[in-house]
Structure formats: C-alpha cells, structure tokens
Amino acid sequence: MIRSELVQKIADENPDLALRDVEAIITTFFDEISRRLSSGGRVELRGFGAFSTRARDARTGRNPRTGEVVDVDAKRVPYFKPGKEMRLRLNV
C-alpha cells in the first residue's frame, strides 16, 4: 500500500472527513514519527509495533559498480519492531 492508497482508504471509511483533511492528518502523523526519531526518541503504537533508531558504526565498504573502496560514515538508521498482535496476525 502506498501513501495515496492509505489516504483514500481512510477517506472512504470516514465520509465526514474531506480528502485534504485526511491528507493533513496522515502528513502530521508521519512527520511526528520522523521528528521523534530524529531527536533520538522512540514511537510505540500498541498492538502495531515500535519505531526506534539503531546506531551503525563507521565501516569500509565497496562501490558495487567499480569495486572501489569507500569509507561509510557512522549513522543512525530507523528500526521497526512489530508488536505481539501484529506478529500473531501475520502468522495465522
């Protein structure tokens, strides 16, 4: 499912909300998750899962096209851990 499909699905299930209002809600939702993660926080949605970040150390990598050795800086990457209810639904 892509973002526009999500917006349309929510708008269809809530005819009292205008499409632009649903879009604003979805945008705010994703922006707040991103903002919290960028500040080092965590977002937990009960029954769905938790978003957090994990640290990746600096390393030496290779350019897959040329084979050239490349230094890769240390960074934080997003991580999602599914909740118990989601794992149960997926393994029915």
N, C-alpha and C. Protein backbone atom coordinates (compact mmCIF):
# COMPACT_ATOMS: atom_id res chain seq x y z
N MET A 1 0.85 -1.17 0.00
CA MET A 1 0.00 0.00 0.00
C MET A 1 0.90 1.24 0.00
N ILE A 2 0.55 2.19 -0.84
CA ILE A 2 1.29 3.44 -0.87
C ILE A 2 0.49 4.52 -0.15
N ARG A 3 1.14 5.64 0.10
CA ARG A 3 0.53 6.73 0.88
C ARG A 3 -0.83 7.17 0.33
N SER A 4 -0.92 7.37 -0.98
CA SER A 4 -2.18 7.84 -1.56
C SER A 4 -3.29 6.81 -1.37
N GLU A 5 -2.96 5.52 -1.42
CA GLU A 5 -3.96 4.48 -1.17
C GLU A 5 -4.42 4.52 0.28
N LEU A 6 -3.50 4.76 1.20
CA LEU A 6 -3.85 4.87 2.62
C LEU A 6 -4.79 6.06 2.84
N VAL A 7 -4.46 7.19 2.25
CA VAL A 7 -5.30 8.38 2.38
C VAL A 7 -6.70 8.10 1.83
N GLN A 8 -6.77 7.47 0.66
CA GLN A 8 -8.06 7.17 0.05
C GLN A 8 -8.87 6.19 0.89
N LYS A 9 -8.22 5.18 1.44
CA LYS A 9 -8.90 4.18 2.28
C LYS A 9 -9.51 4.84 3.52
N ILE A 10 -8.73 5.70 4.18
CA ILE A 10 -9.24 6.39 5.37
C ILE A 10 -10.37 7.35 5.00
N ALA A 11 -10.23 8.05 3.88
CA ALA A 11 -11.29 8.96 3.43
C ALA A 11 -12.57 8.20 3.11
N ASP A 12 -12.43 7.02 2.48
CA ASP A 12 -13.60 6.21 2.15
C ASP A 12 -14.32 5.72 3.40
N GLU A 13 -13.55 5.37 4.42
CA GLU A 13 -14.14 4.84 5.66
C GLU A 13 -14.66 5.95 6.58
N ASN A 14 -14.30 7.20 6.29
CA ASN A 14 -14.75 8.34 7.08
C ASN A 14 -15.29 9.42 6.15
N PRO A 15 -16.51 9.25 5.63
CA PRO A 15 -17.05 10.20 4.65
C PRO A 15 -17.26 11.60 5.22
N ASP A 16 -17.25 11.74 6.54
CA ASP A 16 -17.41 13.06 7.14
C ASP A 16 -16.13 13.89 7.07
N LEU A 17 -15.00 13.26 6.71
CA LEU A 17 -13.73 13.98 6.59
C LEU A 17 -13.43 14.26 5.12
N ALA A 18 -12.97 15.48 4.86
CA ALA A 18 -12.57 15.84 3.50
C ALA A 18 -11.23 15.18 3.18
N LEU A 19 -11.00 14.91 1.90
CA LEU A 19 -9.77 14.26 1.47
C LEU A 19 -8.54 15.07 1.90
N ARG A 20 -8.61 16.40 1.81
CA ARG A 20 -7.47 17.23 2.22
C ARG A 20 -7.22 17.16 3.72
N ASP A 21 -8.29 16.96 4.51
CA ASP A 21 -8.13 16.81 5.95
C ASP A 21 -7.45 15.49 6.29
N VAL A 22 -7.83 14.44 5.59
CA VAL A 22 -7.20 13.13 5.80
C VAL A 22 -5.72 13.21 5.43
N GLU A 23 -5.43 13.86 4.31
CA GLU A 23 -4.04 14.05 3.87
C GLU A 23 -3.24 14.79 4.94
N ALA A 24 -3.83 15.84 5.53
CA ALA A 24 -3.16 16.61 6.58
C ALA A 24 -2.90 15.75 7.81
N ILE A 25 -3.85 14.90 8.16
CA ILE A 25 -3.68 14.01 9.31
C ILE A 25 -2.55 13.01 9.07
N ILE A 26 -2.54 12.39 7.90
CA ILE A 26 -1.50 11.42 7.57
C ILE A 26 -0.13 12.09 7.54
N THR A 27 -0.05 13.27 6.94
CA THR A 27 1.22 14.00 6.88
C THR A 27 1.72 14.34 8.28
N THR A 28 0.83 14.81 9.14
CA THR A 28 1.20 15.13 10.52
C THR A 28 1.68 13.88 11.25
N PHE A 29 0.98 12.78 11.06
CA PHE A 29 1.34 11.52 11.70
C PHE A 29 2.76 11.09 11.33
N PHE A 30 3.06 11.07 10.03
CA PHE A 30 4.39 10.66 9.59
C PHE A 30 5.45 11.68 9.99
N ASP A 31 5.13 12.97 9.93
CA ASP A 31 6.09 14.00 10.33
C ASP A 31 6.45 13.88 11.81
N GLU A 32 5.46 13.59 12.65
CA GLU A 32 5.73 13.45 14.08
C GLU A 32 6.58 12.23 14.39
N ILE A 33 6.35 11.13 13.68
CA ILE A 33 7.20 9.95 13.87
C ILE A 33 8.63 10.29 13.47
N SER A 34 8.80 10.94 12.33
CA SER A 34 10.14 11.32 11.86
C SER A 34 10.81 12.28 12.82
N ARG A 35 10.06 13.26 13.31
CA ARG A 35 10.63 14.24 14.24
C ARG A 35 11.10 13.57 15.52
N ARG A 36 10.29 12.67 16.05
CA ARG A 36 10.65 11.98 17.30
C ARG A 36 11.89 11.12 17.10
N LEU A 37 11.95 10.40 15.98
CA LEU A 37 13.11 9.55 15.72
C LEU A 37 14.37 10.37 15.50
N SER A 38 14.25 11.50 14.81
CA SER A 38 15.43 12.33 14.56
C SER A 38 15.99 12.95 15.83
N SER A 39 15.14 13.09 16.85
CA SER A 39 15.62 13.64 18.12
C SER A 39 16.08 12.53 19.07
N GLY A 40 16.15 11.30 18.56
CA GLY A 40 16.65 10.19 19.37
C GLY A 40 15.58 9.47 20.16
N GLY A 41 14.32 9.82 19.94
CA GLY A 41 13.23 9.21 20.70
C GLY A 41 12.73 7.91 20.08
N ARG A 42 11.64 7.46 20.61
CA ARG A 42 11.02 6.21 20.19
C ARG A 42 9.51 6.43 20.06
N VAL A 43 8.88 5.75 19.12
CA VAL A 43 7.43 5.85 18.94
C VAL A 43 6.86 4.45 19.05
N GLU A 44 5.94 4.28 20.01
CA GLU A 44 5.32 2.97 20.21
C GLU A 44 3.83 3.07 19.95
N LEU A 45 3.33 2.21 19.06
CA LEU A 45 1.91 2.13 18.75
C LEU A 45 1.43 0.77 19.22
N ARG A 46 0.74 0.74 20.34
CA ARG A 46 0.32 -0.51 20.96
C ARG A 46 -0.43 -1.39 19.97
N GLY A 47 -0.06 -2.66 19.93
CA GLY A 47 -0.70 -3.61 19.04
C GLY A 47 -0.14 -3.59 17.62
N PHE A 48 0.62 -2.56 17.29
CA PHE A 48 1.20 -2.45 15.95
C PHE A 48 2.69 -2.68 16.00
N GLY A 49 3.40 -1.84 16.77
CA GLY A 49 4.84 -2.00 16.88
C GLY A 49 5.51 -0.74 17.37
N ALA A 50 6.83 -0.77 17.37
CA ALA A 50 7.61 0.37 17.87
C ALA A 50 8.67 0.77 16.85
N PHE A 51 8.77 2.08 16.64
CA PHE A 51 9.80 2.64 15.78
C PHE A 51 10.91 3.19 16.68
N SER A 52 12.14 2.93 16.31
CA SER A 52 13.28 3.48 17.04
C SER A 52 14.43 3.61 16.05
N THR A 53 15.58 4.01 16.54
CA THR A 53 16.76 4.08 15.68
C THR A 53 17.85 3.19 16.27
N ARG A 54 18.72 2.75 15.41
CA ARG A 54 19.87 1.97 15.82
C ARG A 54 21.12 2.62 15.24
N ALA A 55 22.20 2.53 16.00
CA ALA A 55 23.47 3.12 15.56
C ALA A 55 24.21 2.12 14.68
N ARG A 56 24.75 2.61 13.60
CA ARG A 56 25.63 1.81 12.73
C ARG A 56 27.02 2.42 12.81
N ASP A 57 28.00 1.60 13.07
CA ASP A 57 29.38 2.07 13.15
C ASP A 57 29.91 2.43 11.77
N ALA A 58 30.95 3.25 11.76
CA ALA A 58 31.63 3.56 10.51
C ALA A 58 32.29 2.28 10.01
N ARG A 59 32.39 2.16 8.69
CA ARG A 59 32.98 0.95 8.13
C ARG A 59 33.55 1.26 6.76
N THR A 60 34.25 0.28 6.23
CA THR A 60 34.77 0.39 4.88
C THR A 60 33.89 -0.47 3.99
N GLY A 61 33.38 0.13 2.94
CA GLY A 61 32.52 -0.60 2.00
C GLY A 61 33.12 -0.58 0.61
N ARG A 62 32.37 -1.10 -0.33
CA ARG A 62 32.82 -1.11 -1.73
C ARG A 62 31.71 -0.58 -2.63
N ASN A 63 32.10 0.20 -3.61
CA ASN A 63 31.17 0.63 -4.64
C ASN A 63 30.86 -0.59 -5.49
N PRO A 64 29.60 -1.02 -5.58
CA PRO A 64 29.29 -2.24 -6.33
C PRO A 64 29.57 -2.15 -7.83
N ARG A 65 29.54 -0.94 -8.38
CA ARG A 65 29.81 -0.78 -9.82
C ARG A 65 31.29 -0.88 -10.15
N THR A 66 32.09 -0.15 -9.36
CA THR A 66 33.50 -0.05 -9.70
C THR A 66 34.39 -0.93 -8.83
N GLY A 67 33.88 -1.37 -7.68
CA GLY A 67 34.70 -2.16 -6.76
C GLY A 67 35.62 -1.30 -5.92
N GLU A 68 35.52 0.02 -6.09
CA GLU A 68 36.38 0.95 -5.36
C GLU A 68 36.03 0.93 -3.87
N VAL A 69 37.06 0.99 -3.02
CA VAL A 69 36.87 1.02 -1.58
C VAL A 69 36.34 2.40 -1.19
N VAL A 70 35.29 2.41 -0.34
CA VAL A 70 34.63 3.65 0.06
C VAL A 70 34.46 3.63 1.58
N ASP A 71 34.75 4.76 2.22
CA ASP A 71 34.51 4.88 3.66
C ASP A 71 33.05 5.25 3.88
N VAL A 72 32.38 4.51 4.73
CA VAL A 72 30.98 4.76 5.07
C VAL A 72 30.95 5.31 6.49
N ASP A 73 30.39 6.50 6.66
CA ASP A 73 30.34 7.15 7.96
C ASP A 73 29.39 6.43 8.92
N ALA A 74 29.61 6.65 10.21
CA ALA A 74 28.68 6.14 11.22
C ALA A 74 27.36 6.88 11.05
N LYS A 75 26.27 6.19 11.36
CA LYS A 75 24.96 6.82 11.19
C LYS A 75 23.92 6.11 12.04
N ARG A 76 22.78 6.75 12.17
CA ARG A 76 21.62 6.13 12.82
C ARG A 76 20.65 5.74 11.73
N VAL A 77 20.06 4.57 11.87
CA VAL A 77 19.09 4.09 10.89
C VAL A 77 17.78 3.76 11.59
N PRO A 78 16.65 3.94 10.90
CA PRO A 78 15.36 3.61 11.52
C PRO A 78 15.22 2.10 11.68
N TYR A 79 14.50 1.72 12.73
CA TYR A 79 14.27 0.31 13.02
C TYR A 79 12.82 0.15 13.46
N PHE A 80 12.18 -0.91 13.01
CA PHE A 80 10.79 -1.18 13.39
C PHE A 80 10.72 -2.56 14.01
N LYS A 81 10.12 -2.63 15.19
CA LYS A 81 9.90 -3.91 15.84
C LYS A 81 8.40 -4.14 15.93
N PRO A 82 7.88 -5.15 15.24
CA PRO A 82 6.43 -5.38 15.26
C PRO A 82 5.95 -5.78 16.65
N GLY A 83 4.75 -5.37 16.98
CA GLY A 83 4.14 -5.74 18.26
C GLY A 83 3.61 -7.16 18.23
N LYS A 84 3.24 -7.64 19.40
CA LYS A 84 2.76 -9.02 19.54
C LYS A 84 1.52 -9.28 18.69
N GLU A 85 0.55 -8.35 18.70
CA GLU A 85 -0.67 -8.54 17.91
C GLU A 85 -0.36 -8.64 16.42
N MET A 86 0.56 -7.82 15.94
CA MET A 86 0.90 -7.87 14.51
C MET A 86 1.57 -9.20 14.18
N ARG A 87 2.48 -9.66 15.02
CA ARG A 87 3.14 -10.94 14.76
C ARG A 87 2.12 -12.07 14.73
N LEU A 88 1.15 -12.03 15.64
CA LEU A 88 0.11 -13.07 15.65
C LEU A 88 -0.74 -13.03 14.38
N ARG A 89 -1.10 -11.84 13.93
CA ARG A 89 -1.90 -11.72 12.70
C ARG A 89 -1.14 -12.22 11.48
N LEU A 90 0.16 -11.97 11.44
CA LEU A 90 0.96 -12.38 10.30
C LEU A 90 1.16 -13.89 10.25
N ASN A 91 1.10 -14.54 11.39
CA ASN A 91 1.40 -15.98 11.46
C ASN A 91 0.16 -16.82 11.73
N VAL A 92 -0.99 -16.37 11.23
CA VAL A 92 -2.23 -17.13 11.41
C VAL A 92 -2.32 -18.22 10.38
